[in-house]
Amino acid sequence: MRTFRALGLLLAALVLAGSAAQAEYPEKTIRIVVPYPPGGFNDTLGRIVAQKLGEAWGQPAVVENRPGGGTLIGTDAVAKAPPDGYTLLVVAFPVRGDPEPLRQAPI
């Protein structure tokens, strides 16, 4: 019985130590990729989202325009970014209606 109690206390201590060691999100700048040229609707939308996220989270959000390739350049940059939640993609309209180009896309 003592063994189970000690094992339970050890497990609880490990869980509490693990949750205390995790950092608060976000802890660095958020990168928002807009796969369209500056000045259009999607760019404006991305900048509004960046401003609101920055205010809500207390971290800067930077908009990066990556136009070209029918949005594939910007989308590819986001797909190849580390999966840490600090790189976001803003697309207001469907990127593709035809699935065939996506099969040949580099992402």
PDB file of N, CA and C in Angstrom:
ATOM      1  N   MET A   1       0.818  -1.185   0.000  1.00  0.00           N
ATOM      2  CA  MET A   1       0.000   0.000   0.000  1.00  0.00           C
ATOM      3  C   MET A   1       0.866   1.254   0.000  1.00  0.00           C
ATOM      4  N   ARG A   2       1.954   1.207   0.765  1.00  0.00           N
ATOM      5  CA  ARG A   2       2.861   2.359   0.813  1.00  0.00           C
ATOM      6  C   ARG A   2       3.510   2.601  -0.552  1.00  0.00           C
ATOM      7  N   THR A   3       3.770   1.515  -1.248  1.00  0.00           N
ATOM      8  CA  THR A   3       4.402   1.637  -2.557  1.00  0.00           C
ATOM      9  C   THR A   3       3.487   2.379  -3.527  1.00  0.00           C
ATOM     10  N   PHE A   4       2.196   2.051  -3.512  1.00  0.00           N
ATOM     11  CA  PHE A   4       1.249   2.726  -4.400  1.00  0.00           C
ATOM     12  C   PHE A   4       1.101   4.192  -4.033  1.00  0.00           C
ATOM     13  N   ARG A   5       1.090   4.479  -2.751  1.00  0.00           N
ATOM     14  CA  ARG A   5       0.974   5.874  -2.300  1.00  0.00           C
ATOM     15  C   ARG A   5       2.212   6.663  -2.718  1.00  0.00           C
ATOM     16  N   ALA A   6       3.383   6.082  -2.552  1.00  0.00           N
ATOM     17  CA  ALA A   6       4.616   6.762  -2.946  1.00  0.00           C
ATOM     18  C   ALA A   6       4.672   6.951  -4.457  1.00  0.00           C
ATOM     19  N   LEU A   7       4.235   5.940  -5.187  1.00  0.00           N
ATOM     20  CA  LEU A   7       4.213   6.043  -6.642  1.00  0.00           C
ATOM     21  C   LEU A   7       3.221   7.117  -7.100  1.00  0.00           C
ATOM     22  N   GLY A   8       2.078   7.201  -6.444  1.00  0.00           N
ATOM     23  CA  GLY A   8       1.087   8.233  -6.754  1.00  0.00           C
ATOM     24  C   GLY A   8       1.619   9.624  -6.480  1.00  0.00           C
ATOM     25  N   LEU A   9       2.302   9.800  -5.357  1.00  0.00           N
ATOM     26  CA  LEU A   9       2.894  11.108  -5.036  1.00  0.00           C
ATOM     27  C   LEU A   9       3.990  11.481  -6.024  1.00  0.00           C
ATOM     28  N   LEU A  10       4.777  10.508  -6.429  1.00  0.00           N
ATOM     29  CA  LEU A  10       5.822  10.763  -7.411  1.00  0.00           C
ATOM     30  C   LEU A  10       5.223  11.178  -8.748  1.00  0.00           C
ATOM     31  N   LEU A  11       4.181  10.476  -9.166  1.00  0.00           N
ATOM     32  CA  LEU A  11       3.513  10.800 -10.427  1.00  0.00           C
ATOM     33  C   LEU A  11       2.896  12.202 -10.371  1.00  0.00           C
ATOM     34  N   ALA A  12       2.255  12.558  -9.281  1.00  0.00           N
ATOM     35  CA  ALA A  12       1.671  13.891  -9.129  1.00  0.00           C
ATOM     36  C   ALA A  12       2.747  14.969  -9.164  1.00  0.00           C
ATOM     37  N   ALA A  13       3.880  14.706  -8.526  1.00  0.00           N
ATOM     38  CA  ALA A  13       4.981  15.678  -8.536  1.00  0.00           C
ATOM     39  C   ALA A  13       5.530  15.874  -9.942  1.00  0.00           C
ATOM     40  N   LEU A  14       5.652  14.792 -10.703  1.00  0.00           N
ATOM     41  CA  LEU A  14       6.139  14.899 -12.081  1.00  0.00           C
ATOM     42  C   LEU A  14       5.178  15.682 -12.960  1.00  0.00           C
ATOM     43  N   VAL A  15       3.879  15.458 -12.793  1.00  0.00           N
ATOM     44  CA  VAL A  15       2.884  16.186 -13.589  1.00  0.00           C
ATOM     45  C   VAL A  15       2.927  17.669 -13.251  1.00  0.00           C
ATOM     46  N   LEU A  16       2.995  17.990 -11.977  1.00  0.00           N
ATOM     47  CA  LEU A  16       3.045  19.398 -11.574  1.00  0.00           C
ATOM     48  C   LEU A  16       4.339  20.072 -12.032  1.00  0.00           C
ATOM     49  N   ALA A  17       5.437  19.371 -11.968  1.00  0.00           N
ATOM     50  CA  ALA A  17       6.711  19.940 -12.415  1.00  0.00           C
ATOM     51  C   ALA A  17       6.702  20.163 -13.917  1.00  0.00           C
ATOM     52  N   GLY A  18       6.112  19.254 -14.672  1.00  0.00           N
ATOM     53  CA  GLY A  18       6.046  19.407 -16.125  1.00  0.00           C
ATOM     54  C   GLY A  18       5.177  20.568 -16.540  1.00  0.00           C
ATOM     55  N   SER A  19       4.049  20.769 -15.880  1.00  0.00           N
ATOM     56  CA  SER A  19       3.170  21.880 -16.247  1.00  0.00           C
ATOM     57  C   SER A  19       3.771  23.213 -15.839  1.00  0.00           C
ATOM     58  N   ALA A  20       4.549  23.249 -14.780  1.00  0.00           N
ATOM     59  CA  ALA A  20       5.181  24.494 -14.362  1.00  0.00           C
ATOM     60  C   ALA A  20       6.339  24.875 -15.278  1.00  0.00           C
ATOM     61  N   ALA A  21       6.944  23.887 -15.945  1.00  0.00           N
ATOM     62  CA  ALA A  21       8.088  24.154 -16.802  1.00  0.00           C
ATOM     63  C   ALA A  21       7.683  24.671 -18.175  1.00  0.00           C
ATOM     64  N   GLN A  22       6.425  24.502 -18.567  1.00  0.00           N
ATOM     65  CA  GLN A  22       5.984  24.971 -19.874  1.00  0.00           C
ATOM     66  C   GLN A  22       5.885  26.486 -19.887  1.00  0.00           C
ATOM     67  N   ALA A  23       6.326  27.074 -21.000  1.00  0.00           N
ATOM     68  CA  ALA A  23       6.298  28.526 -21.137  1.00  0.00           C
ATOM     69  C   ALA A  23       4.914  28.983 -21.579  1.00  0.00           C
ATOM     70  N   GLU A  24       4.626  30.223 -21.306  1.00  0.00           N
ATOM     71  CA  GLU A  24       3.378  30.855 -21.713  1.00  0.00           C
ATOM     72  C   GLU A  24       3.435  31.163 -23.203  1.00  0.00           C
ATOM     73  N   TYR A  25       2.349  30.872 -23.931  1.00  0.00           N
ATOM     74  CA  TYR A  25       2.282  31.200 -25.362  1.00  0.00           C
ATOM     75  C   TYR A  25       1.574  32.528 -25.518  1.00  0.00           C
ATOM     76  N   PRO A  26       2.031  33.390 -26.341  1.00  0.00           N
ATOM     77  CA  PRO A  26       3.266  33.390 -27.112  1.00  0.00           C
ATOM     78  C   PRO A  26       4.395  34.045 -26.328  1.00  0.00           C
ATOM     79  N   GLU A  27       5.574  33.583 -26.550  1.00  0.00           N
ATOM     80  CA  GLU A  27       6.730  34.158 -25.863  1.00  0.00           C
ATOM     81  C   GLU A  27       7.677  34.867 -26.831  1.00  0.00           C
ATOM     82  N   LYS A  28       7.317  34.900 -28.118  1.00  0.00           N
ATOM     83  CA  LYS A  28       8.123  35.617 -29.107  1.00  0.00           C
ATOM     84  C   LYS A  28       7.205  36.166 -30.200  1.00  0.00           C
ATOM     85  N   THR A  29       7.774  36.852 -31.160  1.00  0.00           N
ATOM     86  CA  THR A  29       7.022  37.499 -32.221  1.00  0.00           C
ATOM     87  C   THR A  29       6.269  36.488 -33.083  1.00  0.00           C
ATOM     88  N   ILE A  30       5.023  36.814 -33.407  1.00  0.00           N
ATOM     89  CA  ILE A  30       4.198  36.003 -34.285  1.00  0.00           C
ATOM     90  C   ILE A  30       4.427  36.483 -35.720  1.00  0.00           C
ATOM     91  N   ARG A  31       4.630  35.567 -36.631  1.00  0.00           N
ATOM     92  CA  ARG A  31       4.844  35.895 -38.050  1.00  0.00           C
ATOM     93  C   ARG A  31       3.581  35.503 -38.822  1.00  0.00           C
ATOM     94  N   ILE A  32       2.984  36.505 -39.483  1.00  0.00           N
ATOM     95  CA  ILE A  32       1.777  36.273 -40.260  1.00  0.00           C
ATOM     96  C   ILE A  32       2.133  36.423 -41.730  1.00  0.00           C
ATOM     97  N   VAL A  33       2.027  35.344 -42.478  1.00  0.00           N
ATOM     98  CA  VAL A  33       2.363  35.357 -43.900  1.00  0.00           C
ATOM     99  C   VAL A  33       1.087  35.585 -44.698  1.00  0.00           C
ATOM    100  N   VAL A  34       1.144  36.582 -45.592  1.00  0.00           N
ATOM    101  CA  VAL A  34       0.044  36.884 -46.501  1.00  0.00           C
ATOM    102  C   VAL A  34       0.556  36.588 -47.911  1.00  0.00           C
ATOM    103  N   PRO A  35      -0.001  35.583 -48.594  1.00  0.00           N
ATOM    104  CA  PRO A  35       0.529  35.210 -49.902  1.00  0.00           C
ATOM    105  C   PRO A  35      -0.008  36.078 -51.051  1.00  0.00           C
ATOM    106  N   TYR A  36      -0.200  37.337 -50.792  1.00  0.00           N
ATOM    107  CA  TYR A  36      -0.697  38.302 -51.770  1.00  0.00           C
ATOM    108  C   TYR A  36       0.145  39.564 -51.693  1.00  0.00           C
ATOM    109  N   PRO A  37       0.120  40.409 -52.747  1.00  0.00           N
ATOM    110  CA  PRO A  37       0.901  41.648 -52.717  1.00  0.00           C
ATOM    111  C   PRO A  37       0.349  42.640 -51.697  1.00  0.00           C
ATOM    112  N   PRO A  38       1.188  43.564 -51.236  1.00  0.00           N
ATOM    113  CA  PRO A  38       0.731  44.570 -50.276  1.00  0.00           C
ATOM    114  C   PRO A  38      -0.333  45.488 -50.879  1.00  0.00           C
ATOM    115  N   GLY A  39      -1.214  45.967 -50.030  1.00  0.00           N
ATOM    116  CA  GLY A  39      -2.198  46.960 -50.427  1.00  0.00           C
ATOM    117  C   GLY A  39      -3.557  46.422 -50.777  1.00  0.00           C
ATOM    118  N   GLY A  40      -3.701  45.130 -50.929  1.00  0.00           N
ATOM    119  CA  GLY A  40      -4.988  44.547 -51.283  1.00  0.00           C
ATOM    120  C   GLY A  40      -5.805  44.172 -50.059  1.00  0.00           C
ATOM    121  N   PHE A  41      -6.939  43.528 -50.323  1.00  0.00           N
ATOM    122  CA  PHE A  41      -7.836  43.132 -49.245  1.00  0.00           C
ATOM    123  C   PHE A  41      -7.168  42.176 -48.264  1.00  0.00           C
ATOM    124  N   ASN A  42      -6.495  41.162 -48.781  1.00  0.00           N
ATOM    125  CA  ASN A  42      -5.875  40.165 -47.912  1.00  0.00           C
ATOM    126  C   ASN A  42      -4.761  40.759 -47.065  1.00  0.00           C
ATOM    127  N   ASP A  43      -4.007  41.701 -47.627  1.00  0.00           N
ATOM    128  CA  ASP A  43      -2.963  42.381 -46.865  1.00  0.00           C
ATOM    129  C   ASP A  43      -3.576  43.194 -45.730  1.00  0.00           C
ATOM    130  N   THR A  44      -4.650  43.913 -46.045  1.00  0.00           N
ATOM    131  CA  THR A  44      -5.339  44.703 -45.015  1.00  0.00           C
ATOM    132  C   THR A  44      -5.888  43.795 -43.922  1.00  0.00           C
ATOM    133  N   LEU A  45      -6.483  42.678 -44.326  1.00  0.00           N
ATOM    134  CA  LEU A  45      -7.000  41.716 -43.354  1.00  0.00           C
ATOM    135  C   LEU A  45      -5.883  41.186 -42.465  1.00  0.00           C
ATOM    136  N   GLY A  46      -4.751  40.837 -43.072  1.00  0.00           N
ATOM    137  CA  GLY A  46      -3.618  40.350 -42.290  1.00  0.00           C
ATOM    138  C   GLY A  46      -3.105  41.370 -41.298  1.00  0.00           C
ATOM    139  N   ARG A  47      -3.080  42.635 -41.691  1.00  0.00           N
ATOM    140  CA  ARG A  47      -2.607  43.683 -40.788  1.00  0.00           C
ATOM    141  C   ARG A  47      -3.584  43.947 -39.650  1.00  0.00           C
ATOM    142  N   ILE A  48      -4.874  43.846 -39.930  1.00  0.00           N
ATOM    143  CA  ILE A  48      -5.869  43.988 -38.862  1.00  0.00           C
ATOM    144  C   ILE A  48      -5.744  42.837 -37.871  1.00  0.00           C
ATOM    145  N   VAL A  49      -5.607  41.623 -38.389  1.00  0.00           N
ATOM    146  CA  VAL A  49      -5.438  40.448 -37.522  1.00  0.00           C
ATOM    147  C   VAL A  49      -4.160  40.588 -36.690  1.00  0.00           C
ATOM    148  N   ALA A  50      -3.074  41.050 -37.315  1.00  0.00           N
ATOM    149  CA  ALA A  50      -1.807  41.221 -36.597  1.00  0.00           C
ATOM    150  C   ALA A  50      -1.943  42.236 -35.473  1.00  0.00           C
ATOM    151  N   GLN A  51      -2.632  43.327 -35.743  1.00  0.00           N
ATOM    152  CA  GLN A  51      -2.812  44.356 -34.711  1.00  0.00           C
ATOM    153  C   GLN A  51      -3.621  43.821 -33.533  1.00  0.00           C
ATOM    154  N   LYS A  52      -4.715  43.129 -33.833  1.00  0.00           N
ATOM    155  CA  LYS A  52      -5.568  42.589 -32.764  1.00  0.00           C
ATOM    156  C   LYS A  52      -4.851  41.497 -31.959  1.00  0.00           C
ATOM    157  N   LEU A  53      -4.111  40.625 -32.647  1.00  0.00           N
ATOM    158  CA  LEU A  53      -3.364  39.597 -31.924  1.00  0.00           C
ATOM    159  C   LEU A  53      -2.286  40.216 -31.039  1.00  0.00           C
ATOM    160  N   GLY A  54      -1.595  41.226 -31.558  1.00  0.00           N
ATOM    161  CA  GLY A  54      -0.570  41.907 -30.773  1.00  0.00           C
ATOM    162  C   GLY A  54      -1.141  42.534 -29.514  1.00  0.00           C
ATOM    163  N   GLU A  55      -2.297  43.159 -29.646  1.00  0.00           N
ATOM    164  CA  GLU A  55      -2.948  43.780 -28.481  1.00  0.00           C
ATOM    165  C   GLU A  55      -3.415  42.722 -27.482  1.00  0.00           C
ATOM    166  N   ALA A  56      -3.986  41.641 -27.993  1.00  0.00           N
ATOM    167  CA  ALA A  56      -4.537  40.609 -27.108  1.00  0.00           C
ATOM    168  C   ALA A  56      -3.459  39.798 -26.410  1.00  0.00           C
ATOM    169  N   TRP A  57      -2.368  39.496 -27.119  1.00  0.00           N
ATOM    170  CA  TRP A  57      -1.339  38.615 -26.577  1.00  0.00           C
ATOM    171  C   TRP A  57      -0.151  39.341 -25.978  1.00  0.00           C
ATOM    172  N   GLY A  58      -0.013  40.634 -26.232  1.00  0.00           N
ATOM    173  CA  GLY A  58       1.118  41.368 -25.677  1.00  0.00           C
ATOM    174  C   GLY A  58       2.447  41.069 -26.362  1.00  0.00           C
ATOM    175  N   GLN A  59       2.396  40.489 -27.537  1.00  0.00           N
ATOM    176  CA  GLN A  59       3.589  40.209 -28.333  1.00  0.00           C
ATOM    177  C   GLN A  59       3.376  40.800 -29.719  1.00  0.00           C
ATOM    178  N   PRO A  60       4.441  41.287 -30.350  1.00  0.00           N
ATOM    179  CA  PRO A  60       4.256  41.828 -31.698  1.00  0.00           C
ATOM    180  C   PRO A  60       3.930  40.739 -32.708  1.00  0.00           C
ATOM    181  N   ALA A  61       3.102  41.116 -33.673  1.00  0.00           N
ATOM    182  CA  ALA A  61       2.774  40.230 -34.791  1.00  0.00           C
ATOM    183  C   ALA A  61       3.197  40.954 -36.064  1.00  0.00           C
ATOM    184  N   VAL A  62       4.035  40.323 -36.865  1.00  0.00           N
ATOM    185  CA  VAL A  62       4.612  40.938 -38.054  1.00  0.00           C
ATOM    186  C   VAL A  62       3.983  40.318 -39.293  1.00  0.00           C
ATOM    187  N   VAL A  63       3.528  41.174 -40.217  1.00  0.00           N
ATOM    188  CA  VAL A  63       2.963  40.702 -41.478  1.00  0.00           C
ATOM    189  C   VAL A  63       4.068  40.626 -42.512  1.00  0.00           C
ATOM    190  N   GLU A  64       4.151  39.482 -43.180  1.00  0.00           N
ATOM    191  CA  GLU A  64       5.143  39.278 -44.233  1.00  0.00           C
ATOM    192  C   GLU A  64       4.411  38.908 -45.517  1.00  0.00           C
ATOM    193  N   ASN A  65       4.479  39.767 -46.521  1.00  0.00           N
ATOM    194  CA  ASN A  65       3.850  39.496 -47.804  1.00  0.00           C
ATOM    195  C   ASN A  65       4.770  38.612 -48.635  1.00  0.00           C
ATOM    196  N   ARG A  66       4.244  37.478 -49.123  1.00  0.00           N
ATOM    197  CA  ARG A  66       4.995  36.532 -49.966  1.00  0.00           C
ATOM    198  C   ARG A  66       4.146  36.198 -51.183  1.00  0.00           C
ATOM    199  N   PRO A  67       3.947  37.170 -52.103  1.00  0.00           N
ATOM    200  CA  PRO A  67       3.093  36.911 -53.255  1.00  0.00           C
ATOM    201  C   PRO A  67       3.804  36.074 -54.319  1.00  0.00           C
ATOM    202  N   GLY A  68       2.999  35.535 -55.224  1.00  0.00           N
ATOM    203  CA  GLY A  68       3.551  34.820 -56.367  1.00  0.00           C
ATOM    204  C   GLY A  68       3.156  33.366 -56.395  1.00  0.00           C
ATOM    205  N   GLY A  69       3.186  32.821 -57.591  1.00  0.00           N
ATOM    206  CA  GLY A  69       2.904  31.400 -57.765  1.00  0.00           C
ATOM    207  C   GLY A  69       1.481  31.031 -57.419  1.00  0.00           C
ATOM    208  N   GLY A  70       0.549  31.967 -57.575  1.00  0.00           N
ATOM    209  CA  GLY A  70      -0.835  31.650 -57.228  1.00  0.00           C
ATOM    210  C   GLY A  70      -0.994  31.304 -55.766  1.00  0.00           C
ATOM    211  N   THR A  71      -0.309  32.003 -54.904  1.00  0.00           N
ATOM    212  CA  THR A  71      -0.265  31.856 -53.434  1.00  0.00           C
ATOM    213  C   THR A  71       0.621  30.715 -52.964  1.00  0.00           C
ATOM    214  N   LEU A  72       1.262  29.978 -53.873  1.00  0.00           N
ATOM    215  CA  LEU A  72       2.074  28.829 -53.456  1.00  0.00           C
ATOM    216  C   LEU A  72       3.359  29.241 -52.742  1.00  0.00           C
ATOM    217  N   ILE A  73       3.924  30.400 -53.084  1.00  0.00           N
ATOM    218  CA  ILE A  73       5.174  30.816 -52.437  1.00  0.00           C
ATOM    219  C   ILE A  73       4.949  31.075 -50.953  1.00  0.00           C
ATOM    220  N   GLY A  74       3.914  31.839 -50.633  1.00  0.00           N
ATOM    221  CA  GLY A  74       3.608  32.112 -49.226  1.00  0.00           C
ATOM    222  C   GLY A  74       3.140  30.878 -48.482  1.00  0.00           C
ATOM    223  N   THR A  75       2.305  30.083 -49.130  1.00  0.00           N
ATOM    224  CA  THR A  75       1.809  28.859 -48.494  1.00  0.00           C
ATOM    225  C   THR A  75       2.942  27.878 -48.241  1.00  0.00           C
ATOM    226  N   ASP A  76       3.862  27.786 -49.182  1.00  0.00           N
ATOM    227  CA  ASP A  76       5.022  26.907 -49.027  1.00  0.00           C
ATOM    228  C   ASP A  76       5.897  27.359 -47.857  1.00  0.00           C
ATOM    229  N   ALA A  77       6.060  28.669 -47.700  1.00  0.00           N
ATOM    230  CA  ALA A  77       6.862  29.189 -46.587  1.00  0.00           C
ATOM    231  C   ALA A  77       6.251  28.813 -45.245  1.00  0.00           C
ATOM    232  N   VAL A  78       4.930  28.874 -45.156  1.00  0.00           N
ATOM    233  CA  VAL A  78       4.260  28.512 -43.904  1.00  0.00           C
ATOM    234  C   VAL A  78       4.327  27.001 -43.682  1.00  0.00           C
ATOM    235  N   ALA A  79       4.164  26.234 -44.748  1.00  0.00           N
ATOM    236  CA  ALA A  79       4.206  24.768 -44.615  1.00  0.00           C
ATOM    237  C   ALA A  79       5.575  24.286 -44.161  1.00  0.00           C
ATOM    238  N   LYS A  80       6.634  24.997 -44.541  1.00  0.00           N
ATOM    239  CA  LYS A  80       7.988  24.590 -44.172  1.00  0.00           C
ATOM    240  C   LYS A  80       8.483  25.239 -42.879  1.00  0.00           C
ATOM    241  N   ALA A  81       7.677  26.096 -42.276  1.00  0.00           N
ATOM    242  CA  ALA A  81       8.053  26.733 -41.008  1.00  0.00           C
ATOM    243  C   ALA A  81       7.978  25.697 -39.883  1.00  0.00           C
ATOM    244  N   PRO A  82       8.733  25.922 -38.813  1.00  0.00           N
ATOM    245  CA  PRO A  82       8.645  24.992 -37.681  1.00  0.00           C
ATOM    246  C   PRO A  82       7.213  24.933 -37.140  1.00  0.00           C
ATOM    247  N   PRO A  83       6.729  23.770 -36.778  1.00  0.00           N
ATOM    248  CA  PRO A  83       5.350  23.639 -36.296  1.00  0.00           C
ATOM    249  C   PRO A  83       5.197  24.070 -34.839  1.00  0.00           C
ATOM    250  N   ASP A  84       5.560  25.302 -34.558  1.00  0.00           N
ATOM    251  CA  ASP A  84       5.519  25.804 -33.185  1.00  0.00           C
ATOM    252  C   ASP A  84       4.385  26.786 -32.929  1.00  0.00           C
ATOM    253  N   GLY A  85       3.579  27.084 -33.950  1.00  0.00           N
ATOM    254  CA  GLY A  85       2.450  27.982 -33.768  1.00  0.00           C
ATOM    255  C   GLY A  85       2.791  29.453 -33.891  1.00  0.00           C
ATOM    256  N   TYR A  86       4.010  29.783 -34.291  1.00  0.00           N
ATOM    257  CA  TYR A  86       4.421  31.175 -34.410  1.00  0.00           C
ATOM    258  C   TYR A  86       4.389  31.682 -35.846  1.00  0.00           C
ATOM    259  N   THR A  87       4.022  30.854 -36.794  1.00  0.00           N
ATOM    260  CA  THR A  87       3.881  31.272 -38.189  1.00  0.00           C
ATOM    261  C   THR A  87       2.466  30.943 -38.628  1.00  0.00           C
ATOM    262  N   LEU A  88       1.736  31.978 -39.022  1.00  0.00           N
ATOM    263  CA  LEU A  88       0.344  31.827 -39.412  1.00  0.00           C
ATOM    264  C   LEU A  88       0.172  32.228 -40.868  1.00  0.00           C
ATOM    265  N   LEU A  89      -0.872  31.732 -41.508  1.00  0.00           N
ATOM    266  CA  LEU A  89      -1.185  32.048 -42.895  1.00  0.00           C
ATOM    267  C   LEU A  89      -2.543  32.725 -42.930  1.00  0.00           C
ATOM    268  N   VAL A  90      -2.629  33.850 -43.640  1.00  0.00           N
ATOM    269  CA  VAL A  90      -3.902  34.544 -43.802  1.00  0.00           C
ATOM    270  C   VAL A  90      -4.320  34.435 -45.265  1.00  0.00           C
ATOM    271  N   VAL A  91      -5.433  33.756 -45.502  1.00  0.00           N
ATOM    272  CA  VAL A  91      -6.015  33.647 -46.829  1.00  0.00           C
ATOM    273  C   VAL A  91      -7.514  33.850 -46.652  1.00  0.00           C
ATOM    274  N   ALA A  92      -8.037  34.909 -47.260  1.00  0.00           N
ATOM    275  CA  ALA A  92      -9.445  35.225 -47.068  1.00  0.00           C
ATOM    276  C   ALA A  92     -10.354  34.425 -47.983  1.00  0.00           C
ATOM    277  N   PHE A  93      -9.852  34.017 -49.127  1.00  0.00           N
ATOM    278  CA  PHE A  93     -10.648  33.285 -50.100  1.00  0.00           C
ATOM    279  C   PHE A  93     -10.006  31.925 -50.334  1.00  0.00           C
ATOM    280  N   PRO A  94     -10.754  30.972 -50.888  1.00  0.00           N
ATOM    281  CA  PRO A  94     -10.149  29.667 -51.166  1.00  0.00           C
ATOM    282  C   PRO A  94      -8.890  29.807 -52.022  1.00  0.00           C
ATOM    283  N   VAL A  95      -7.859  29.110 -51.626  1.00  0.00           N
ATOM    284  CA  VAL A  95      -6.591  29.194 -52.342  1.00  0.00           C
ATOM    285  C   VAL A  95      -6.696  28.485 -53.683  1.00  0.00           C
ATOM    286  N   ARG A  96      -7.312  27.339 -53.722  1.00  0.00           N
ATOM    287  CA  ARG A  96      -7.421  26.545 -54.950  1.00  0.00           C
ATOM    288  C   ARG A  96      -8.815  25.937 -55.052  1.00  0.00           C
ATOM    289  N   GLY A  97      -9.344  25.923 -56.262  1.00  0.00           N
ATOM    290  CA  GLY A  97     -10.583  25.218 -56.510  1.00  0.00           C
ATOM    291  C   GLY A  97     -10.314  23.899 -57.201  1.00  0.00           C
ATOM    292  N   ASP A  98      -9.186  23.815 -57.879  1.00  0.00           N
ATOM    293  CA  ASP A  98      -8.813  22.624 -58.626  1.00  0.00           C
ATOM    294  C   ASP A  98      -7.713  21.894 -57.854  1.00  0.00           C
ATOM    295  N   PRO A  99      -7.936  20.650 -57.434  1.00  0.00           N
ATOM    296  CA  PRO A  99      -6.924  19.951 -56.635  1.00  0.00           C
ATOM    297  C   PRO A  99      -5.690  19.521 -57.429  1.00  0.00           C
ATOM    298  N   GLU A 100      -5.769  19.491 -58.758  1.00  0.00           N
ATOM    299  CA  GLU A 100      -4.642  19.006 -59.557  1.00  0.00           C
ATOM    300  C   GLU A 100      -3.365  19.834 -59.352  1.00  0.00           C
ATOM    301  N   PRO A 101      -3.397  21.174 -59.364  1.00  0.00           N
ATOM    302  CA  PRO A 101      -2.152  21.925 -59.129  1.00  0.00           C
ATOM    303  C   PRO A 101      -1.531  21.644 -57.759  1.00  0.00           C
ATOM    304  N   LEU A 102      -2.360  21.339 -56.758  1.00  0.00           N
ATOM    305  CA  LEU A 102      -1.815  21.050 -55.435  1.00  0.00           C
ATOM    306  C   LEU A 102      -1.064  19.732 -55.407  1.00  0.00           C
ATOM    307  N   ARG A 103      -1.435  18.800 -56.254  1.00  0.00           N
ATOM    308  CA  ARG A 103      -0.715  17.524 -56.303  1.00  0.00           C
ATOM    309  C   ARG A 103       0.707  17.725 -56.802  1.00  0.00           C
ATOM    310  N   GLN A 104       0.907  18.751 -57.628  1.00  0.00           N
ATOM    311  CA  GLN A 104       2.219  19.030 -58.188  1.00  0.00           C
ATOM    312  C   GLN A 104       2.950  20.129 -57.417  1.00  0.00           C
ATOM    313  N   ALA A 105       2.308  20.696 -56.401  1.00  0.00           N
ATOM    314  CA  ALA A 105       2.907  21.795 -55.640  1.00  0.00           C
ATOM    315  C   ALA A 105       4.095  21.293 -54.816  1.00  0.00           C
ATOM    316  N   PRO A 106       5.028  22.181 -54.514  1.00  0.00           N
ATOM    317  CA  PRO A 106       6.213  21.764 -53.755  1.00  0.00           C
ATOM    318  C   PRO A 106       5.953  21.579 -52.270  1.00  0.00           C
ATOM    319  N   ILE A 107       4.739  21.762 -51.801  1.00  0.00           N
ATOM    320  CA  ILE A 107       4.456  21.642 -50.372  1.00  0.00           C
ATOM    321  C   ILE A 107       3.947  20.275 -50.012  1.00  0.00           C
TER     322      ILE A 107
END
